[in-house]
mmCIF file of all heavy atoms, coordinates in Angstrom:
data_MODEL
# 
_entry.id   MODEL 
# 
loop_
_atom_site.group_PDB 
_atom_site.id 
_atom_site.type_symbol 
_atom_site.label_atom_id 
_atom_site.label_alt_id 
_atom_site.label_comp_id 
_atom_site.label_asym_id 
_atom_site.label_entity_id 
_atom_site.label_seq_id 
_atom_site.pdbx_PDB_ins_code 
_atom_site.Cartn_x 
_atom_site.Cartn_y 
_atom_site.Cartn_z 
_atom_site.occupancy 
_atom_site.B_iso_or_equiv 
_atom_site.pdbx_formal_charge 
_atom_site.auth_seq_id 
_atom_site.auth_comp_id 
_atom_site.auth_asym_id 
_atom_site.auth_atom_id 
_atom_site.pdbx_PDB_model_num 
ATOM 1   N N   . PRO A 1 1  ? -54.744 47.051 239.810 1.00 0.00 ? 1  PRO A N   1 
ATOM 2   C CA  . PRO A 1 1  ? -54.954 47.036 238.371 1.00 0.00 ? 1  PRO A CA  1 
ATOM 3   C C   . PRO A 1 1  ? -56.185 46.188 237.998 1.00 0.00 ? 1  PRO A C   1 
ATOM 4   O O   . PRO A 1 1  ? -56.457 45.195 238.642 1.00 0.00 ? 1  PRO A O   1 
ATOM 5   C CB  . PRO A 1 1  ? -53.662 46.370 237.833 1.00 0.00 ? 1  PRO A CB  1 
ATOM 6   C CG  . PRO A 1 1  ? -53.151 45.563 238.978 1.00 0.00 ? 1  PRO A CG  1 
ATOM 7   C CD  . PRO A 1 1  ? -53.544 46.306 240.219 1.00 0.00 ? 1  PRO A CD  1 
ATOM 8   N N   . ALA A 1 2  ? -56.899 46.631 236.973 1.00 0.00 ? 2  ALA A N   1 
ATOM 9   C CA  . ALA A 1 2  ? -58.096 45.920 236.509 1.00 0.00 ? 2  ALA A CA  1 
ATOM 10  C C   . ALA A 1 2  ? -57.732 44.849 235.486 1.00 0.00 ? 2  ALA A C   1 
ATOM 11  O O   . ALA A 1 2  ? -58.592 44.016 235.158 1.00 0.00 ? 2  ALA A O   1 
ATOM 12  C CB  . ALA A 1 2  ? -59.077 46.897 235.895 1.00 0.00 ? 2  ALA A CB  1 
ATOM 13  N N   . ASN A 1 3  ? -56.515 44.927 234.935 1.00 0.00 ? 3  ASN A N   1 
ATOM 14  C CA  . ASN A 1 3  ? -56.128 43.973 233.898 1.00 0.00 ? 3  ASN A CA  1 
ATOM 15  C C   . ASN A 1 3  ? -54.621 43.987 233.683 1.00 0.00 ? 3  ASN A C   1 
ATOM 16  O O   . ASN A 1 3  ? -53.939 44.958 234.094 1.00 0.00 ? 3  ASN A O   1 
ATOM 17  C CB  . ASN A 1 3  ? -56.834 44.293 232.579 1.00 0.00 ? 3  ASN A CB  1 
ATOM 18  C CG  . ASN A 1 3  ? -56.423 45.635 232.040 1.00 0.00 ? 3  ASN A CG  1 
ATOM 19  O OD1 . ASN A 1 3  ? -57.037 46.651 232.374 1.00 0.00 ? 3  ASN A OD1 1 
ATOM 20  N ND2 . ASN A 1 3  ? -55.367 45.720 231.262 1.00 0.00 ? 3  ASN A ND2 1 
ATOM 21  N N   . PHE A 1 4  ? -54.177 42.932 233.035 1.00 0.00 ? 4  PHE A N   1 
ATOM 22  C CA  . PHE A 1 4  ? -52.845 42.935 232.410 1.00 0.00 ? 4  PHE A CA  1 
ATOM 23  C C   . PHE A 1 4  ? -53.094 43.029 230.928 1.00 0.00 ? 4  PHE A C   1 
ATOM 24  O O   . PHE A 1 4  ? -53.854 42.240 230.373 1.00 0.00 ? 4  PHE A O   1 
ATOM 25  C CB  . PHE A 1 4  ? -52.132 41.583 232.753 1.00 0.00 ? 4  PHE A CB  1 
ATOM 26  C CG  . PHE A 1 4  ? -50.882 41.361 231.952 1.00 0.00 ? 4  PHE A CG  1 
ATOM 27  C CD1 . PHE A 1 4  ? -49.630 41.635 232.499 1.00 0.00 ? 4  PHE A CD1 1 
ATOM 28  C CD2 . PHE A 1 4  ? -50.924 40.802 230.685 1.00 0.00 ? 4  PHE A CD2 1 
ATOM 29  C CE1 . PHE A 1 4  ? -48.463 41.380 231.769 1.00 0.00 ? 4  PHE A CE1 1 
ATOM 30  C CE2 . PHE A 1 4  ? -49.746 40.576 229.960 1.00 0.00 ? 4  PHE A CE2 1 
ATOM 31  C CZ  . PHE A 1 4  ? -48.531 40.859 230.498 1.00 0.00 ? 4  PHE A CZ  1 
ATOM 32  N N   . CYS A 1 5  ? -52.467 43.973 230.272 1.00 0.00 ? 5  CYS A N   1 
ATOM 33  C CA  . CYS A 1 5  ? -52.668 44.123 228.826 1.00 0.00 ? 5  CYS A CA  1 
ATOM 34  C C   . CYS A 1 5  ? -51.381 44.574 228.157 1.00 0.00 ? 5  CYS A C   1 
ATOM 35  O O   . CYS A 1 5  ? -50.907 45.685 228.408 1.00 0.00 ? 5  CYS A O   1 
ATOM 36  C CB  . CYS A 1 5  ? -53.778 45.109 228.498 1.00 0.00 ? 5  CYS A CB  1 
ATOM 37  S SG  . CYS A 1 5  ? -54.070 45.278 226.735 1.00 0.00 ? 5  CYS A SG  1 
ATOM 38  N N   . ASP A 1 6  ? -50.807 43.639 227.354 1.00 0.00 ? 6  ASP A N   1 
ATOM 39  C CA  . ASP A 1 6  ? -49.599 43.925 226.596 1.00 0.00 ? 6  ASP A CA  1 
ATOM 40  C C   . ASP A 1 6  ? -49.991 43.926 225.109 1.00 0.00 ? 6  ASP A C   1 
ATOM 41  O O   . ASP A 1 6  ? -50.365 42.906 224.573 1.00 0.00 ? 6  ASP A O   1 
ATOM 42  C CB  . ASP A 1 6  ? -48.572 42.837 226.907 1.00 0.00 ? 6  ASP A CB  1 
ATOM 43  C CG  . ASP A 1 6  ? -47.338 42.893 225.965 1.00 0.00 ? 6  ASP A CG  1 
ATOM 44  O OD1 . ASP A 1 6  ? -47.168 43.919 225.295 1.00 0.00 ? 6  ASP A OD1 1 
ATOM 45  O OD2 . ASP A 1 6  ? -46.614 41.882 225.899 1.00 0.00 ? 6  ASP A OD2 1 
ATOM 46  N N   . VAL A 1 7  ? -49.922 45.119 224.497 1.00 0.00 ? 7  VAL A N   1 
ATOM 47  C CA  . VAL A 1 7  ? -50.302 45.225 223.084 1.00 0.00 ? 7  VAL A CA  1 
ATOM 48  C C   . VAL A 1 7  ? -49.193 44.712 222.151 1.00 0.00 ? 7  VAL A C   1 
ATOM 49  O O   . VAL A 1 7  ? -49.419 44.543 220.949 1.00 0.00 ? 7  VAL A O   1 
ATOM 50  C CB  . VAL A 1 7  ? -50.716 46.651 222.692 1.00 0.00 ? 7  VAL A CB  1 
ATOM 51  C CG1 . VAL A 1 7  ? -51.908 47.086 223.475 1.00 0.00 ? 7  VAL A CG1 1 
ATOM 52  C CG2 . VAL A 1 7  ? -49.539 47.607 222.857 1.00 0.00 ? 7  VAL A CG2 1 
ATOM 53  N N   . GLY A 1 8  ? -48.005 44.450 222.705 1.00 0.00 ? 8  GLY A N   1 
ATOM 54  C CA  . GLY A 1 8  ? -46.940 43.924 221.883 1.00 0.00 ? 8  GLY A CA  1 
ATOM 55  C C   . GLY A 1 8  ? -46.106 44.974 221.166 1.00 0.00 ? 8  GLY A C   1 
ATOM 56  O O   . GLY A 1 8  ? -46.387 46.196 221.312 1.00 0.00 ? 8  GLY A O   1 
ATOM 57  N N   . GLY A 1 9  ? -45.151 44.525 220.443 1.00 0.00 ? 9  GLY A N   1 
ATOM 58  C CA  . GLY A 1 9  ? -44.236 45.486 219.783 1.00 0.00 ? 9  GLY A CA  1 
ATOM 59  C C   . GLY A 1 9  ? -44.635 45.975 218.452 1.00 0.00 ? 9  GLY A C   1 
ATOM 60  O O   . GLY A 1 9  ? -44.238 47.056 217.995 1.00 0.00 ? 9  GLY A O   1 
ATOM 61  N N   . GLY A 1 10 ? -45.459 45.200 217.701 1.00 0.00 ? 10 GLY A N   1 
ATOM 62  C CA  . GLY A 1 10 ? -45.820 45.576 216.368 1.00 0.00 ? 10 GLY A CA  1 
ATOM 63  C C   . GLY A 1 10 ? -47.276 45.817 216.129 1.00 0.00 ? 10 GLY A C   1 
ATOM 64  O O   . GLY A 1 10 ? -47.796 45.508 215.076 1.00 0.00 ? 10 GLY A O   1 
ATOM 65  N N   . ALA A 1 11 ? -47.936 46.338 217.161 1.00 0.00 ? 11 ALA A N   1 
ATOM 66  C CA  . ALA A 1 11 ? -49.429 46.506 217.063 1.00 0.00 ? 11 ALA A CA  1 
ATOM 67  C C   . ALA A 1 11 ? -49.794 47.581 216.053 1.00 0.00 ? 11 ALA A C   1 
ATOM 68  O O   . ALA A 1 11 ? -49.116 48.582 215.922 1.00 0.00 ? 11 ALA A O   1 
ATOM 69  C CB  . ALA A 1 11 ? -49.957 46.857 218.447 1.00 0.00 ? 11 ALA A CB  1 
ATOM 70  N N   . SER A 1 12 ? -50.905 47.335 215.366 1.00 0.00 ? 12 SER A N   1 
ATOM 71  C CA  . SER A 1 12 ? -51.458 48.317 214.453 1.00 0.00 ? 12 SER A CA  1 
ATOM 72  C C   . SER A 1 12 ? -52.372 49.276 215.203 1.00 0.00 ? 12 SER A C   1 
ATOM 73  O O   . SER A 1 12 ? -52.726 49.046 216.371 1.00 0.00 ? 12 SER A O   1 
ATOM 74  C CB  . SER A 1 12 ? -52.260 47.650 213.344 1.00 0.00 ? 12 SER A CB  1 
ATOM 75  O OG  . SER A 1 12 ? -53.376 46.960 213.932 1.00 0.00 ? 12 SER A OG  1 
ATOM 76  N N   . LYS A 1 13 ? -52.753 50.349 214.541 1.00 0.00 ? 13 LYS A N   1 
ATOM 77  C CA  . LYS A 1 13 ? -53.728 51.296 215.092 1.00 0.00 ? 13 LYS A CA  1 
ATOM 78  C C   . LYS A 1 13 ? -55.018 50.589 215.503 1.00 0.00 ? 13 LYS A C   1 
ATOM 79  O O   . LYS A 1 13 ? -55.585 50.825 216.542 1.00 0.00 ? 13 LYS A O   1 
ATOM 80  C CB  . LYS A 1 13 ? -54.034 52.400 214.044 1.00 0.00 ? 13 LYS A CB  1 
ATOM 81  C CG  . LYS A 1 13 ? -55.198 53.288 214.391 1.00 0.00 ? 13 LYS A CG  1 
ATOM 82  C CD  . LYS A 1 13 ? -55.518 54.234 213.191 1.00 0.00 ? 13 LYS A CD  1 
ATOM 83  C CE  . LYS A 1 13 ? -56.873 54.913 213.407 1.00 0.00 ? 13 LYS A CE  1 
ATOM 84  N NZ  . LYS A 1 13 ? -57.178 55.827 212.245 1.00 0.00 ? 13 LYS A NZ  1 
ATOM 85  N N   . GLU A 1 14 ? -55.467 49.648 214.661 1.00 0.00 ? 14 GLU A N   1 
ATOM 86  C CA  . GLU A 1 14 ? -56.712 48.927 214.901 1.00 0.00 ? 14 GLU A CA  1 
ATOM 87  C C   . GLU A 1 14 ? -56.583 48.035 216.130 1.00 0.00 ? 14 GLU A C   1 
ATOM 88  O O   . GLU A 1 14 ? -57.524 47.910 216.942 1.00 0.00 ? 14 GLU A O   1 
ATOM 89  C CB  . GLU A 1 14 ? -57.094 48.079 213.667 1.00 0.00 ? 14 GLU A CB  1 
ATOM 90  C CG  . GLU A 1 14 ? -57.514 48.863 212.493 1.00 0.00 ? 14 GLU A CG  1 
ATOM 91  C CD  . GLU A 1 14 ? -56.366 49.553 211.743 1.00 0.00 ? 14 GLU A CD  1 
ATOM 92  O OE1 . GLU A 1 14 ? -55.192 49.137 211.926 1.00 0.00 ? 14 GLU A OE1 1 
ATOM 93  O OE2 . GLU A 1 14 ? -56.597 50.498 210.964 1.00 0.00 ? 14 GLU A OE2 1 
ATOM 94  N N   . LYS A 1 15 ? -55.431 47.406 216.271 1.00 0.00 ? 15 LYS A N   1 
ATOM 95  C CA  . LYS A 1 15 ? -55.208 46.521 217.438 1.00 0.00 ? 15 LYS A CA  1 
ATOM 96  C C   . LYS A 1 15 ? -55.171 47.333 218.722 1.00 0.00 ? 15 LYS A C   1 
ATOM 97  O O   . LYS A 1 15 ? -55.724 46.905 219.753 1.00 0.00 ? 15 LYS A O   1 
ATOM 98  C CB  . LYS A 1 15 ? -53.897 45.756 217.242 1.00 0.00 ? 15 LYS A CB  1 
ATOM 99  C CG  . LYS A 1 15 ? -53.639 44.703 218.294 1.00 0.00 ? 15 LYS A CG  1 
ATOM 100 C CD  . LYS A 1 15 ? -52.376 43.890 217.923 1.00 0.00 ? 15 LYS A CD  1 
ATOM 101 C CE  . LYS A 1 15 ? -52.062 42.810 218.962 1.00 0.00 ? 15 LYS A CE  1 
ATOM 102 N NZ  . LYS A 1 15 ? -50.870 41.988 218.588 1.00 0.00 ? 15 LYS A NZ  1 
ATOM 103 N N   . VAL A 1 16 ? -54.535 48.468 218.693 1.00 0.00 ? 16 VAL A N   1 
ATOM 104 C CA  . VAL A 1 16 ? -54.469 49.379 219.864 1.00 0.00 ? 16 VAL A CA  1 
ATOM 105 C C   . VAL A 1 16 ? -55.898 49.820 220.235 1.00 0.00 ? 16 VAL A C   1 
ATOM 106 O O   . VAL A 1 16 ? -56.274 49.844 221.409 1.00 0.00 ? 16 VAL A O   1 
ATOM 107 C CB  . VAL A 1 16 ? -53.542 50.552 219.615 1.00 0.00 ? 16 VAL A CB  1 
ATOM 108 C CG1 . VAL A 1 16 ? -53.675 51.585 220.751 1.00 0.00 ? 16 VAL A CG1 1 
ATOM 109 C CG2 . VAL A 1 16 ? -52.118 50.118 219.448 1.00 0.00 ? 16 VAL A CG2 1 
ATOM 110 N N   . ALA A 1 17 ? -56.664 50.192 219.223 1.00 0.00 ? 17 ALA A N   1 
ATOM 111 C CA  . ALA A 1 17 ? -58.037 50.623 219.439 1.00 0.00 ? 17 ALA A CA  1 
ATOM 112 C C   . ALA A 1 17 ? -58.869 49.495 220.069 1.00 0.00 ? 17 ALA A C   1 
ATOM 113 O O   . ALA A 1 17 ? -59.679 49.732 221.001 1.00 0.00 ? 17 ALA A O   1 
ATOM 114 C CB  . ALA A 1 17 ? -58.670 51.120 218.143 1.00 0.00 ? 17 ALA A CB  1 
ATOM 115 N N   . ALA A 1 18 ? -58.675 48.295 219.546 1.00 0.00 ? 18 ALA A N   1 
ATOM 116 C CA  . ALA A 1 18 ? -59.355 47.138 220.105 1.00 0.00 ? 18 ALA A CA  1 
ATOM 117 C C   . ALA A 1 18 ? -59.028 46.907 221.586 1.00 0.00 ? 18 ALA A C   1 
ATOM 118 O O   . ALA A 1 18 ? -59.899 46.641 222.426 1.00 0.00 ? 18 ALA A O   1 
ATOM 119 C CB  . ALA A 1 18 ? -59.059 45.868 219.296 1.00 0.00 ? 18 ALA A CB  1 
ATOM 120 N N   . ALA A 1 19 ? -57.769 47.025 221.907 1.00 0.00 ? 19 ALA A N   1 
ATOM 121 C CA  . ALA A 1 19 ? -57.295 46.864 223.275 1.00 0.00 ? 19 ALA A CA  1 
ATOM 122 C C   . ALA A 1 19 ? -57.971 47.901 224.192 1.00 0.00 ? 19 ALA A C   1 
ATOM 123 O O   . ALA A 1 19 ? -58.434 47.588 225.312 1.00 0.00 ? 19 ALA A O   1 
ATOM 124 C CB  . ALA A 1 19 ? -55.791 46.956 223.370 1.00 0.00 ? 19 ALA A CB  1 
ATOM 125 N N   . PHE A 1 20 ? -57.972 49.146 223.692 1.00 0.00 ? 20 PHE A N   1 
ATOM 126 C CA  . PHE A 1 20 ? -58.534 50.222 224.509 1.00 0.00 ? 20 PHE A CA  1 
ATOM 127 C C   . PHE A 1 20 ? -60.050 50.010 224.727 1.00 0.00 ? 20 PHE A C   1 
ATOM 128 O O   . PHE A 1 20 ? -60.564 50.212 225.857 1.00 0.00 ? 20 PHE A O   1 
ATOM 129 C CB  . PHE A 1 20 ? -58.323 51.580 223.792 1.00 0.00 ? 20 PHE A CB  1 
ATOM 130 C CG  . PHE A 1 20 ? -58.556 52.756 224.686 1.00 0.00 ? 20 PHE A CG  1 
ATOM 131 C CD1 . PHE A 1 20 ? -57.530 53.215 225.514 1.00 0.00 ? 20 PHE A CD1 1 
ATOM 132 C CD2 . PHE A 1 20 ? -59.788 53.388 224.738 1.00 0.00 ? 20 PHE A CD2 1 
ATOM 133 C CE1 . PHE A 1 20 ? -57.746 54.331 226.337 1.00 0.00 ? 20 PHE A CE1 1 
ATOM 134 C CE2 . PHE A 1 20 ? -60.009 54.490 225.565 1.00 0.00 ? 20 PHE A CE2 1 
ATOM 135 C CZ  . PHE A 1 20 ? -58.965 54.935 226.358 1.00 0.00 ? 20 PHE A CZ  1 
ATOM 136 N N   . LYS A 1 21 ? -60.732 49.531 223.727 1.00 0.00 ? 21 LYS A N   1 
ATOM 137 C CA  . LYS A 1 21 ? -62.180 49.298 223.859 1.00 0.00 ? 21 LYS A CA  1 
ATOM 138 C C   . LYS A 1 21 ? -62.458 48.117 224.806 1.00 0.00 ? 21 LYS A C   1 
ATOM 139 O O   . LYS A 1 21 ? -63.448 48.150 225.548 1.00 0.00 ? 21 LYS A O   1 
ATOM 140 C CB  . LYS A 1 21 ? -62.796 49.033 222.482 1.00 0.00 ? 21 LYS A CB  1 
ATOM 141 C CG  . LYS A 1 21 ? -62.940 50.274 221.612 1.00 0.00 ? 21 LYS A CG  1 
ATOM 142 C CD  . LYS A 1 21 ? -63.711 50.042 220.351 1.00 0.00 ? 21 LYS A CD  1 
ATOM 143 C CE  . LYS A 1 21 ? -62.869 49.423 219.280 1.00 0.00 ? 21 LYS A CE  1 
ATOM 144 N NZ  . LYS A 1 21 ? -63.568 49.359 217.984 1.00 0.00 ? 21 LYS A NZ  1 
ATOM 145 N N   . ILE A 1 22 ? -61.600 47.082 224.784 1.00 0.00 ? 22 ILE A N   1 
ATOM 146 C CA  . ILE A 1 22 ? -61.775 45.984 225.716 1.00 0.00 ? 22 ILE A CA  1 
ATOM 147 C C   . ILE A 1 22 ? -61.648 46.475 227.138 1.00 0.00 ? 22 ILE A C   1 
ATOM 148 O O   . ILE A 1 22 ? -62.404 46.089 228.043 1.00 0.00 ? 22 ILE A O   1 
ATOM 149 C CB  . ILE A 1 22 ? -60.767 44.886 225.393 1.00 0.00 ? 22 ILE A CB  1 
ATOM 150 C CG1 . ILE A 1 22 ? -61.133 44.174 224.074 1.00 0.00 ? 22 ILE A CG1 1 
ATOM 151 C CG2 . ILE A 1 22 ? -60.728 43.814 226.533 1.00 0.00 ? 22 ILE A CG2 1 
ATOM 152 C CD1 . ILE A 1 22 ? -60.036 43.282 223.491 1.00 0.00 ? 22 ILE A CD1 1 
ATOM 153 N N   . ILE A 1 23 ? -60.631 47.307 227.410 1.00 0.00 ? 23 ILE A N   1 
ATOM 154 C CA  . ILE A 1 23 ? -60.397 47.861 228.737 1.00 0.00 ? 23 ILE A CA  1 
ATOM 155 C C   . ILE A 1 23 ? -61.584 48.727 229.189 1.00 0.00 ? 23 ILE A C   1 
ATOM 156 O O   . ILE A 1 23 ? -62.053 48.564 230.320 1.00 0.00 ? 23 ILE A O   1 
ATOM 157 C CB  . ILE A 1 23 ? -59.093 48.657 228.753 1.00 0.00 ? 23 ILE A CB  1 
ATOM 158 C CG1 . ILE A 1 23 ? -57.873 47.741 228.542 1.00 0.00 ? 23 ILE A CG1 1 
ATOM 159 C CG2 . ILE A 1 23 ? -58.952 49.406 230.088 1.00 0.00 ? 23 ILE A CG2 1 
ATOM 160 C CD1 . ILE A 1 23 ? -56.581 48.445 228.289 1.00 0.00 ? 23 ILE A CD1 1 
ATOM 161 N N   . THR A 1 24 ? -62.082 49.579 228.333 1.00 0.00 ? 24 THR A N   1 
ATOM 162 C CA  . THR A 1 24 ? -63.180 50.484 228.714 1.00 0.00 ? 24 THR A CA  1 
ATOM 163 C C   . THR A 1 24 ? -64.474 49.733 228.890 1.00 0.00 ? 24 THR A C   1 
ATOM 164 O O   . THR A 1 24 ? -65.418 50.244 229.553 1.00 0.00 ? 24 THR A O   1 
ATOM 165 C CB  . THR A 1 24 ? -63.338 51.601 227.676 1.00 0.00 ? 24 THR A CB  1 
ATOM 166 O OG1 . THR A 1 24 ? -63.578 51.049 226.401 1.00 0.00 ? 24 THR A OG1 1 
ATOM 167 C CG2 . THR A 1 24 ? -62.131 52.508 227.640 1.00 0.00 ? 24 THR A CG2 1 
ATOM 168 N N   . ALA A 1 25 ? -64.613 48.551 228.278 1.00 0.00 ? 25 ALA A N   1 
ATOM 169 C CA  . ALA A 1 25 ? -65.833 47.785 228.407 1.00 0.00 ? 25 ALA A CA  1 
ATOM 170 C C   . ALA A 1 25 ? -65.988 47.150 229.784 1.00 0.00 ? 25 ALA A C   1 
ATOM 171 O O   . ALA A 1 25 ? -67.106 46.679 230.154 1.00 0.00 ? 25 ALA A O   1 
ATOM 172 C CB  . ALA A 1 25 ? -65.893 46.679 227.336 1.00 0.00 ? 25 ALA A CB  1 
ATOM 173 N N   . ASP A 1 26 ? -64.939 47.106 230.559 1.00 0.00 ? 26 ASP A N   1 
ATOM 174 C CA  . ASP A 1 26 ? -64.976 46.543 231.906 1.00 0.00 ? 26 ASP A CA  1 
ATOM 175 C C   . ASP A 1 26 ? -65.641 47.552 232.874 1.00 0.00 ? 26 ASP A C   1 
ATOM 176 O O   . ASP A 1 26 ? -65.103 48.624 233.080 1.00 0.00 ? 26 ASP A O   1 
ATOM 177 C CB  . ASP A 1 26 ? -63.549 46.253 232.375 1.00 0.00 ? 26 ASP A CB  1 
ATOM 178 C CG  . ASP A 1 26 ? -63.509 45.541 233.738 1.00 0.00 ? 26 ASP A CG  1 
ATOM 179 O OD1 . ASP A 1 26 ? -64.574 45.490 234.421 1.00 0.00 ? 26 ASP A OD1 1 
ATOM 180 O OD2 . ASP A 1 26 ? -62.439 45.059 234.126 1.00 0.00 ? 26 ASP A OD2 1 
ATOM 181 N N   . PRO A 1 27 ? -66.825 47.205 233.411 1.00 0.00 ? 27 PRO A N   1 
ATOM 182 C CA  . PRO A 1 27 ? -67.551 48.214 234.252 1.00 0.00 ? 27 PRO A CA  1 
ATOM 183 C C   . PRO A 1 27 ? -66.789 48.542 235.560 1.00 0.00 ? 27 PRO A C   1 
ATOM 184 O O   . PRO A 1 27 ? -67.069 49.547 236.181 1.00 0.00 ? 27 PRO A O   1 
ATOM 185 C CB  . PRO A 1 27 ? -68.850 47.476 234.585 1.00 0.00 ? 27 PRO A CB  1 
ATOM 186 C CG  . PRO A 1 27 ? -68.578 46.038 234.346 1.00 0.00 ? 27 PRO A CG  1 
ATOM 187 C CD  . PRO A 1 27 ? -67.578 45.953 233.258 1.00 0.00 ? 27 PRO A CD  1 
ATOM 188 N N   . ALA A 1 28 ? -65.815 47.702 235.923 1.00 0.00 ? 28 ALA A N   1 
ATOM 189 C CA  . ALA A 1 28 ? -65.021 47.983 237.165 1.00 0.00 ? 28 ALA A CA  1 
ATOM 190 C C   . ALA A 1 28 ? -63.982 49.030 236.959 1.00 0.00 ? 28 ALA A C   1 
ATOM 191 O O   . ALA A 1 28 ? -63.492 49.612 237.903 1.00 0.00 ? 28 ALA A O   1 
ATOM 192 C CB  . ALA A 1 28 ? -64.392 46.704 237.634 1.00 0.00 ? 28 ALA A CB  1 
# 
């Protein structure tokens, strides 16, 4: 795995999008 990422139970659409962008920003 390249990361541990828990978006939590009450995440908004914007928070999920932010998490996805952080993951894709990792060149590995």
